[in-house]
Amino acid sequence: MSLVVPFDGSDLASAALARAVQFDSILDEGVLVISIVPVGNVDYAVARGWIDESDAFDRDRILAALRDRATQIAPDAAFHYRLTDRYAPIGTIANQIRQFARSNDASILFVGSENAGRIVRAVSVGQSVSADRAYDTMIVSHPEPELVDRLRAGHDPSRPFE
């Protein structure tokens, strides 16, 4: 079993990763981070803050930054990535996340999403990946900056915050 976190470096993905670390301190299943990168899609990379508008798309630099950001929060997590086509069809990223979760025997998928699970139609990856019944899904919709900062500072997640 494993705890899987789709990670794009956003505040909500960081909060989801922090929650997974907390759960792992009890469950001891291991945290797996999965980042999906559409190769060469500058607009997508700029929208996620991976690069500035004036920067060239640099896959290796983007992956290194994502790995570094994830490792700051979850030093023991295993970082994985998948590459997609520049203009992947709708649903491709969610499908890759679901496949990764299933193939790694996920018990819980931790998704940082502003709109997954709301009454209105969700437009995030969270809606698609949370529909899979092979694992439980925890939707994290609050950024939790204090928790993320404490984990980055090396706080033991199994101990209460002092």
N, C-alpha and C. Protein backbone atom coordinates (compact mmCIF):
# COMPACT_ATOMS: atom_id res chain seq x y z
N MET A 1 0.84 -1.18 0.00
CA MET A 1 0.00 0.00 0.00
C MET A 1 0.89 1.24 0.00
N SER A 2 0.34 2.33 -0.52
CA SER A 2 1.08 3.58 -0.56
C SER A 2 0.11 4.76 -0.49
N LEU A 3 0.66 5.92 -0.17
CA LEU A 3 -0.07 7.17 -0.15
C LEU A 3 0.44 7.97 -1.33
N VAL A 4 -0.44 8.31 -2.26
CA VAL A 4 -0.04 8.95 -3.51
C VAL A 4 -0.50 10.41 -3.53
N VAL A 5 0.39 11.28 -3.98
CA VAL A 5 0.09 12.71 -4.05
C VAL A 5 0.44 13.25 -5.43
N PRO A 6 -0.57 13.62 -6.24
CA PRO A 6 -0.27 14.35 -7.48
C PRO A 6 0.29 15.72 -7.08
N PHE A 7 1.42 16.11 -7.69
CA PHE A 7 2.11 17.30 -7.21
C PHE A 7 2.52 18.19 -8.37
N ASP A 8 1.99 19.43 -8.35
CA ASP A 8 2.37 20.41 -9.37
C ASP A 8 3.09 21.60 -8.76
N GLY A 9 3.42 21.51 -7.49
CA GLY A 9 4.13 22.59 -6.81
C GLY A 9 3.24 23.68 -6.26
N SER A 10 1.94 23.62 -6.50
CA SER A 10 1.02 24.64 -6.02
C SER A 10 0.88 24.57 -4.50
N ASP A 11 0.31 25.62 -3.92
CA ASP A 11 0.09 25.63 -2.47
C ASP A 11 -0.81 24.49 -2.04
N LEU A 12 -1.85 24.21 -2.81
CA LEU A 12 -2.77 23.12 -2.43
C LEU A 12 -2.12 21.75 -2.60
N ALA A 13 -1.32 21.57 -3.64
CA ALA A 13 -0.60 20.30 -3.79
C ALA A 13 0.40 20.13 -2.65
N SER A 14 1.02 21.22 -2.23
CA SER A 14 1.94 21.18 -1.10
C SER A 14 1.20 20.81 0.19
N ALA A 15 0.02 21.36 0.38
CA ALA A 15 -0.79 21.02 1.55
C ALA A 15 -1.22 19.56 1.51
N ALA A 16 -1.58 19.07 0.33
CA ALA A 16 -1.95 17.65 0.19
C ALA A 16 -0.76 16.76 0.53
N LEU A 17 0.42 17.15 0.09
CA LEU A 17 1.63 16.39 0.41
C LEU A 17 1.89 16.41 1.91
N ALA A 18 1.71 17.56 2.53
CA ALA A 18 1.90 17.66 3.98
C ALA A 18 0.92 16.75 4.72
N ARG A 19 -0.32 16.70 4.27
CA ARG A 19 -1.31 15.80 4.89
C ARG A 19 -0.90 14.34 4.70
N ALA A 20 -0.40 14.00 3.54
CA ALA A 20 0.04 12.62 3.30
C ALA A 20 1.19 12.26 4.25
N VAL A 21 2.10 13.19 4.48
CA VAL A 21 3.20 12.95 5.41
C VAL A 21 2.65 12.70 6.81
N GLN A 22 1.66 13.49 7.22
CA GLN A 22 1.04 13.27 8.53
C GLN A 22 0.41 11.88 8.61
N PHE A 23 -0.33 11.50 7.60
CA PHE A 23 -0.96 10.18 7.59
C PHE A 23 0.09 9.08 7.60
N ASP A 24 1.17 9.28 6.86
CA ASP A 24 2.21 8.26 6.79
C ASP A 24 2.90 8.06 8.13
N SER A 25 2.93 9.08 8.97
CA SER A 25 3.55 8.93 10.28
C SER A 25 2.78 7.92 11.13
N ILE A 26 1.51 7.69 10.80
CA ILE A 26 0.68 6.71 11.50
C ILE A 26 0.60 5.40 10.71
N LEU A 27 0.34 5.50 9.41
CA LEU A 27 0.09 4.31 8.59
C LEU A 27 1.37 3.61 8.13
N ASP A 28 2.45 4.35 8.00
CA ASP A 28 3.74 3.81 7.56
C ASP A 28 3.63 3.03 6.24
N GLU A 29 3.00 3.64 5.26
CA GLU A 29 2.85 3.02 3.95
C GLU A 29 3.82 3.58 2.92
N GLY A 30 4.36 4.72 3.17
CA GLY A 30 5.24 5.38 2.21
C GLY A 30 4.46 6.36 1.35
N VAL A 31 5.07 7.50 1.09
CA VAL A 31 4.46 8.55 0.28
C VAL A 31 5.11 8.56 -1.09
N LEU A 32 4.27 8.53 -2.12
CA LEU A 32 4.74 8.61 -3.50
C LEU A 32 4.20 9.90 -4.11
N VAL A 33 5.10 10.68 -4.67
CA VAL A 33 4.73 11.93 -5.33
C VAL A 33 4.77 11.69 -6.83
N ILE A 34 3.72 12.13 -7.53
CA ILE A 34 3.69 12.00 -8.99
C ILE A 34 3.43 13.37 -9.61
N SER A 35 4.34 13.79 -10.47
CA SER A 35 4.18 15.04 -11.21
C SER A 35 4.02 14.71 -12.69
N ILE A 36 3.04 15.33 -13.31
CA ILE A 36 2.77 15.13 -14.73
C ILE A 36 3.15 16.42 -15.46
N VAL A 37 4.02 16.31 -16.45
CA VAL A 37 4.52 17.50 -17.15
C VAL A 37 4.24 17.37 -18.64
N PRO A 38 3.40 18.25 -19.19
CA PRO A 38 3.20 18.30 -20.65
C PRO A 38 4.44 18.94 -21.30
N VAL A 39 5.21 18.15 -22.01
CA VAL A 39 6.49 18.59 -22.56
C VAL A 39 6.29 19.70 -23.59
N GLY A 40 7.00 20.79 -23.38
CA GLY A 40 6.98 21.89 -24.33
C GLY A 40 5.79 22.82 -24.22
N ASN A 41 4.87 22.58 -23.30
CA ASN A 41 3.69 23.42 -23.19
C ASN A 41 4.00 24.61 -22.27
N VAL A 42 4.48 25.67 -22.89
CA VAL A 42 4.90 26.85 -22.15
C VAL A 42 3.74 27.47 -21.39
N ASP A 43 2.57 27.57 -22.01
CA ASP A 43 1.41 28.17 -21.34
C ASP A 43 1.06 27.42 -20.06
N TYR A 44 1.06 26.10 -20.12
CA TYR A 44 0.75 25.27 -18.96
C TYR A 44 1.80 25.50 -17.86
N ALA A 45 3.07 25.54 -18.25
CA ALA A 45 4.15 25.73 -17.29
C ALA A 45 4.10 27.12 -16.65
N VAL A 46 3.80 28.13 -17.43
CA VAL A 46 3.68 29.49 -16.90
C VAL A 46 2.50 29.58 -15.94
N ALA A 47 1.37 28.99 -16.31
CA ALA A 47 0.16 29.02 -15.48
C ALA A 47 0.40 28.38 -14.11
N ARG A 48 1.27 27.41 -14.04
CA ARG A 48 1.57 26.73 -12.78
C ARG A 48 2.75 27.34 -12.04
N GLY A 49 3.33 28.38 -12.61
CA GLY A 49 4.46 29.03 -11.96
C GLY A 49 5.77 28.29 -12.08
N TRP A 50 5.84 27.34 -13.01
CA TRP A 50 7.07 26.57 -13.19
C TRP A 50 8.14 27.40 -13.89
N ILE A 51 7.71 28.28 -14.79
CA ILE A 51 8.63 29.15 -15.53
C ILE A 51 7.99 30.52 -15.68
N ASP A 52 8.81 31.51 -15.99
CA ASP A 52 8.29 32.84 -16.33
C ASP A 52 7.95 32.87 -17.80
N GLU A 53 7.12 33.83 -18.18
CA GLU A 53 6.70 33.95 -19.58
C GLU A 53 7.88 34.08 -20.53
N SER A 54 8.94 34.70 -20.09
CA SER A 54 10.10 34.93 -20.97
C SER A 54 11.06 33.74 -21.01
N ASP A 55 10.84 32.73 -20.15
CA ASP A 55 11.73 31.57 -20.10
C ASP A 55 11.41 30.56 -21.18
N ALA A 56 12.42 29.85 -21.60
CA ALA A 56 12.22 28.70 -22.48
C ALA A 56 11.78 27.52 -21.63
N PHE A 57 11.04 26.61 -22.23
CA PHE A 57 10.61 25.41 -21.53
C PHE A 57 11.82 24.50 -21.34
N ASP A 58 12.13 24.20 -20.09
CA ASP A 58 13.27 23.34 -19.77
C ASP A 58 12.76 22.21 -18.87
N ARG A 59 12.48 21.08 -19.48
CA ARG A 59 11.90 19.95 -18.77
C ARG A 59 12.72 19.55 -17.54
N ASP A 60 14.03 19.46 -17.71
CA ASP A 60 14.87 19.03 -16.60
C ASP A 60 14.84 20.02 -15.44
N ARG A 61 14.85 21.31 -15.76
CA ARG A 61 14.80 22.33 -14.72
C ARG A 61 13.46 22.29 -13.98
N ILE A 62 12.38 22.11 -14.74
CA ILE A 62 11.05 22.02 -14.14
C ILE A 62 10.96 20.82 -13.21
N LEU A 63 11.41 19.67 -13.68
CA LEU A 63 11.34 18.45 -12.86
C LEU A 63 12.22 18.58 -11.61
N ALA A 64 13.40 19.17 -11.76
CA ALA A 64 14.28 19.36 -10.60
C ALA A 64 13.62 20.28 -9.57
N ALA A 65 12.97 21.33 -10.04
CA ALA A 65 12.30 22.26 -9.12
C ALA A 65 11.13 21.58 -8.41
N LEU A 66 10.35 20.79 -9.15
CA LEU A 66 9.23 20.07 -8.53
C LEU A 66 9.74 19.06 -7.50
N ARG A 67 10.78 18.33 -7.87
CA ARG A 67 11.37 17.35 -6.93
C ARG A 67 11.88 18.06 -5.68
N ASP A 68 12.57 19.18 -5.86
CA ASP A 68 13.11 19.93 -4.73
C ASP A 68 12.00 20.42 -3.82
N ARG A 69 10.96 20.97 -4.41
CA ARG A 69 9.85 21.50 -3.60
C ARG A 69 9.16 20.37 -2.83
N ALA A 70 8.96 19.23 -3.48
CA ALA A 70 8.34 18.09 -2.80
C ALA A 70 9.23 17.56 -1.69
N THR A 71 10.52 17.47 -1.95
CA THR A 71 11.47 16.94 -0.97
C THR A 71 11.59 17.85 0.25
N GLN A 72 11.40 19.14 0.07
CA GLN A 72 11.43 20.06 1.22
C GLN A 72 10.31 19.74 2.20
N ILE A 73 9.18 19.29 1.69
CA ILE A 73 8.02 18.98 2.53
C ILE A 73 8.07 17.53 3.01
N ALA A 74 8.48 16.64 2.13
CA ALA A 74 8.45 15.21 2.41
C ALA A 74 9.78 14.57 2.00
N PRO A 75 10.81 14.71 2.84
CA PRO A 75 12.14 14.22 2.46
C PRO A 75 12.20 12.72 2.18
N ASP A 76 11.32 11.96 2.78
CA ASP A 76 11.34 10.51 2.59
C ASP A 76 10.44 10.03 1.46
N ALA A 77 9.72 10.94 0.84
CA ALA A 77 8.81 10.55 -0.25
C ALA A 77 9.60 10.20 -1.50
N ALA A 78 9.06 9.27 -2.27
CA ALA A 78 9.65 8.92 -3.56
C ALA A 78 9.01 9.80 -4.64
N PHE A 79 9.85 10.48 -5.40
CA PHE A 79 9.36 11.38 -6.44
C PHE A 79 9.34 10.65 -7.78
N HIS A 80 8.20 10.72 -8.46
CA HIS A 80 8.04 10.13 -9.79
C HIS A 80 7.47 11.19 -10.72
N TYR A 81 7.67 10.99 -12.00
CA TYR A 81 7.06 11.91 -12.96
C TYR A 81 6.66 11.14 -14.21
N ARG A 82 5.73 11.71 -14.92
CA ARG A 82 5.32 11.22 -16.22
C ARG A 82 5.30 12.41 -17.15
N LEU A 83 5.65 12.19 -18.39
CA LEU A 83 5.61 13.24 -19.41
C LEU A 83 4.44 12.98 -20.33
N THR A 84 3.79 14.05 -20.74
CA THR A 84 2.69 13.93 -21.70
C THR A 84 3.02 14.78 -22.92
N ASP A 85 2.22 14.60 -23.94
CA ASP A 85 2.37 15.43 -25.13
C ASP A 85 2.08 16.88 -24.77
N ARG A 86 2.62 17.76 -25.56
CA ARG A 86 2.46 19.20 -25.35
C ARG A 86 0.99 19.57 -25.19
N TYR A 87 0.16 19.07 -26.06
CA TYR A 87 -1.27 19.40 -26.03
C TYR A 87 -2.07 18.12 -25.78
N ALA A 88 -1.85 17.53 -24.63
CA ALA A 88 -2.53 16.29 -24.27
C ALA A 88 -4.04 16.53 -24.22
N PRO A 89 -4.82 15.57 -24.72
CA PRO A 89 -6.28 15.71 -24.67
C PRO A 89 -6.78 15.80 -23.22
N ILE A 90 -7.93 16.40 -23.06
CA ILE A 90 -8.55 16.52 -21.73
C ILE A 90 -8.65 15.12 -21.11
N GLY A 91 -8.30 15.03 -19.87
CA GLY A 91 -8.37 13.76 -19.15
C GLY A 91 -7.06 12.99 -19.11
N THR A 92 -6.09 13.37 -19.93
CA THR A 92 -4.83 12.64 -19.99
C THR A 92 -4.09 12.67 -18.65
N ILE A 93 -3.99 13.85 -18.06
CA ILE A 93 -3.26 13.96 -16.79
C ILE A 93 -3.97 13.16 -15.70
N ALA A 94 -5.28 13.28 -15.61
CA ALA A 94 -6.04 12.51 -14.61
C ALA A 94 -5.87 11.01 -14.84
N ASN A 95 -5.91 10.58 -16.10
CA ASN A 95 -5.72 9.15 -16.39
C ASN A 95 -4.34 8.68 -15.95
N GLN A 96 -3.32 9.48 -16.19
CA GLN A 96 -1.97 9.08 -15.78
C GLN A 96 -1.86 8.99 -14.26
N ILE A 97 -2.50 9.91 -13.57
CA ILE A 97 -2.49 9.87 -12.10
C ILE A 97 -3.21 8.62 -11.60
N ARG A 98 -4.39 8.33 -12.16
CA ARG A 98 -5.14 7.13 -11.76
C ARG A 98 -4.32 5.87 -12.02
N GLN A 99 -3.72 5.77 -13.19
CA GLN A 99 -2.90 4.60 -13.52
C GLN A 99 -1.74 4.45 -12.54
N PHE A 100 -1.09 5.56 -12.23
CA PHE A 100 0.02 5.53 -11.28
C PHE A 100 -0.47 5.06 -9.92
N ALA A 101 -1.57 5.61 -9.45
CA ALA A 101 -2.11 5.23 -8.14
C ALA A 101 -2.45 3.74 -8.10
N ARG A 102 -3.11 3.25 -9.15
CA ARG A 102 -3.47 1.82 -9.18
C ARG A 102 -2.23 0.94 -9.25
N SER A 103 -1.28 1.30 -10.09
CA SER A 103 -0.10 0.44 -10.26
C SER A 103 0.82 0.47 -9.04
N ASN A 104 0.64 1.45 -8.17
CA ASN A 104 1.44 1.53 -6.95
C ASN A 104 0.63 1.20 -5.71
N ASP A 105 -0.50 0.55 -5.91
CA ASP A 105 -1.33 0.05 -4.81
C ASP A 105 -1.65 1.14 -3.79
N ALA A 106 -2.14 2.26 -4.29
CA ALA A 106 -2.48 3.38 -3.41
C ALA A 106 -3.64 3.00 -2.49
N SER A 107 -3.49 3.34 -1.23
CA SER A 107 -4.62 3.20 -0.31
C SER A 107 -5.38 4.52 -0.24
N ILE A 108 -4.63 5.63 -0.33
CA ILE A 108 -5.25 6.96 -0.32
C ILE A 108 -4.54 7.84 -1.34
N LEU A 109 -5.33 8.58 -2.10
CA LEU A 109 -4.81 9.59 -3.02
C LEU A 109 -5.13 10.95 -2.40
N PHE A 110 -4.11 11.76 -2.18
CA PHE A 110 -4.27 13.08 -1.58
C PHE A 110 -4.23 14.12 -2.69
N VAL A 111 -5.35 14.81 -2.90
CA VAL A 111 -5.46 15.76 -4.00
C VAL A 111 -5.68 17.16 -3.46
N GLY A 112 -4.81 18.08 -3.85
CA GLY A 112 -5.01 19.49 -3.53
C GLY A 112 -5.84 20.11 -4.63
N SER A 113 -7.05 20.57 -4.30
CA SER A 113 -7.95 21.09 -5.32
C SER A 113 -8.87 22.13 -4.72
N GLU A 114 -9.01 23.25 -5.41
CA GLU A 114 -9.93 24.29 -4.95
C GLU A 114 -11.38 23.93 -5.19
N ASN A 115 -11.64 23.09 -6.19
CA ASN A 115 -13.04 22.90 -6.56
C ASN A 115 -13.49 21.45 -6.65
N ALA A 116 -12.64 20.48 -6.38
CA ALA A 116 -13.08 19.09 -6.45
C ALA A 116 -14.09 18.81 -5.35
N GLY A 117 -15.17 18.18 -5.72
CA GLY A 117 -16.18 17.79 -4.75
C GLY A 117 -17.22 18.84 -4.44
N ARG A 118 -17.14 19.99 -5.02
CA ARG A 118 -18.17 21.00 -4.79
C ARG A 118 -19.43 20.65 -5.55
N ILE A 119 -20.51 21.32 -5.20
CA ILE A 119 -21.79 21.07 -5.85
C ILE A 119 -21.71 21.43 -7.33
N VAL A 120 -21.02 22.52 -7.63
CA VAL A 120 -20.88 22.91 -9.04
C VAL A 120 -19.92 21.95 -9.73
N ARG A 121 -20.05 21.87 -11.02
CA ARG A 121 -19.20 20.96 -11.78
C ARG A 121 -17.74 21.36 -11.60
N ALA A 122 -16.96 20.43 -11.12
CA ALA A 122 -15.53 20.69 -10.92
C ALA A 122 -14.80 20.62 -12.24
N VAL A 123 -13.78 21.44 -12.37
CA VAL A 123 -13.02 21.47 -13.61
C VAL A 123 -11.57 21.09 -13.37
N SER A 124 -11.28 20.51 -12.24
CA SER A 124 -9.91 20.16 -11.93
C SER A 124 -9.67 18.67 -12.14
N VAL A 125 -8.40 18.31 -12.08
CA VAL A 125 -8.01 16.91 -12.13
C VAL A 125 -8.62 16.17 -10.94
N GLY A 126 -8.82 16.88 -9.82
CA GLY A 126 -9.36 16.26 -8.62
C GLY A 126 -10.66 15.54 -8.83
N GLN A 127 -11.54 16.10 -9.64
CA GLN A 127 -12.83 15.46 -9.90
C GLN A 127 -12.62 14.11 -10.57
N SER A 128 -11.74 14.06 -11.54
CA SER A 128 -11.54 12.83 -12.31
C SER A 128 -10.84 11.75 -11.50
N VAL A 129 -9.79 12.11 -10.76
CA VAL A 129 -9.05 11.09 -10.03
C VAL A 129 -9.79 10.62 -8.80
N SER A 130 -10.68 11.44 -8.25
CA SER A 130 -11.40 11.03 -7.05
C SER A 130 -12.53 10.06 -7.35
N ALA A 131 -12.86 9.87 -8.62
CA ALA A 131 -13.93 8.96 -9.00
C ALA A 131 -13.50 7.50 -8.97
N ASP A 132 -12.21 7.23 -8.93
CA ASP A 132 -11.70 5.86 -8.94
C ASP A 132 -11.96 5.21 -7.59
N ARG A 133 -12.50 4.00 -7.59
CA ARG A 133 -12.83 3.31 -6.34
C ARG A 133 -11.74 2.34 -5.89
N ALA A 134 -10.59 2.34 -6.57
CA ALA A 134 -9.50 1.46 -6.18
C ALA A 134 -8.78 1.97 -4.93
N TYR A 135 -9.03 3.22 -4.57
CA TYR A 135 -8.38 3.85 -3.43
C TYR A 135 -9.30 4.92 -2.86
N ASP A 136 -9.06 5.29 -1.61
CA ASP A 136 -9.78 6.43 -1.02
C ASP A 136 -9.14 7.71 -1.53
N THR A 137 -9.91 8.78 -1.49
CA THR A 137 -9.39 10.07 -1.93
C THR A 137 -9.60 11.10 -0.83
N MET A 138 -8.54 11.82 -0.53
CA MET A 138 -8.64 12.93 0.42
C MET A 138 -8.45 14.21 -0.37
N ILE A 139 -9.48 15.04 -0.37
CA ILE A 139 -9.42 16.33 -1.06
C ILE A 139 -8.95 17.38 -0.05
N VAL A 140 -7.87 18.04 -0.37
CA VAL A 140 -7.33 19.10 0.48
C VAL A 140 -7.63 20.42 -0.21
N SER A 141 -8.48 21.23 0.42
CA SER A 141 -8.91 22.47 -0.22
C SER A 141 -8.45 23.72 0.55
N HIS A 142 -7.65 23.52 1.58
CA HIS A 142 -7.10 24.64 2.35
C HIS A 142 -5.58 24.54 2.29
N PRO A 143 -4.88 25.60 1.94
CA PRO A 143 -3.43 25.53 1.72
C PRO A 143 -2.58 25.12 2.92
N GLU A 144 -3.01 25.36 4.15
CA GLU A 144 -2.25 24.96 5.35
C GLU A 144 -0.79 25.44 5.32
N PRO A 145 -0.55 26.74 5.15
CA PRO A 145 0.84 27.21 5.05
C PRO A 145 1.68 26.93 6.30
N GLU A 146 1.07 26.98 7.49
CA GLU A 146 1.84 26.71 8.71
C GLU A 146 2.33 25.27 8.74
N LEU A 147 1.46 24.33 8.38
CA LEU A 147 1.84 22.93 8.35
C LEU A 147 2.96 22.69 7.34
N VAL A 148 2.81 23.22 6.15
CA VAL A 148 3.83 23.05 5.11
C VAL A 148 5.16 23.64 5.58
N ASP A 149 5.12 24.84 6.15
CA ASP A 149 6.35 25.49 6.62
C ASP A 149 7.02 24.69 7.73
N ARG A 150 6.24 24.14 8.63
CA ARG A 150 6.82 23.34 9.72
C ARG A 150 7.47 22.07 9.21
N LEU A 151 6.85 21.43 8.24
CA LEU A 151 7.46 20.23 7.67
C LEU A 151 8.73 20.58 6.91
N ARG A 152 8.71 21.70 6.20
CA ARG A 152 9.93 22.15 5.50
C ARG A 152 11.06 22.42 6.49
N ALA A 153 10.69 22.86 7.69
CA ALA A 153 11.69 23.16 8.72
C ALA A 153 12.16 21.91 9.46
N GLY A 154 11.61 20.75 9.10
CA GLY A 154 12.06 19.50 9.69
C GLY A 154 11.26 19.00 10.87
N HIS A 155 10.07 19.55 11.10
CA HIS A 155 9.23 19.10 12.21
C HIS A 155 8.82 17.64 12.01
N ASP A 156 8.84 16.86 13.06
CA ASP A 156 8.42 15.47 13.03
C ASP A 156 6.90 15.42 12.91
N PRO A 157 6.36 14.88 11.79
CA PRO A 157 4.91 14.89 11.59
C PRO A 157 4.13 14.01 12.56
N SER A 158 4.81 13.09 13.24
CA SER A 158 4.10 12.22 14.18
C SER A 158 3.92 12.88 15.54
N ARG A 159 4.57 14.03 15.74
CA ARG A 159 4.46 14.75 17.01
C ARG A 159 3.56 15.96 16.84
N PRO A 160 2.76 16.26 17.86
CA PRO A 160 1.91 17.45 17.76
C PRO A 160 2.77 18.70 17.69
N PHE A 161 2.21 19.73 17.09
CA PHE A 161 2.92 21.00 17.02
C PHE A 161 2.95 21.63 18.40
N GLU A 162 4.11 22.10 18.80
CA GLU A 162 4.24 22.77 20.10
C GLU A 162 3.93 24.22 19.92
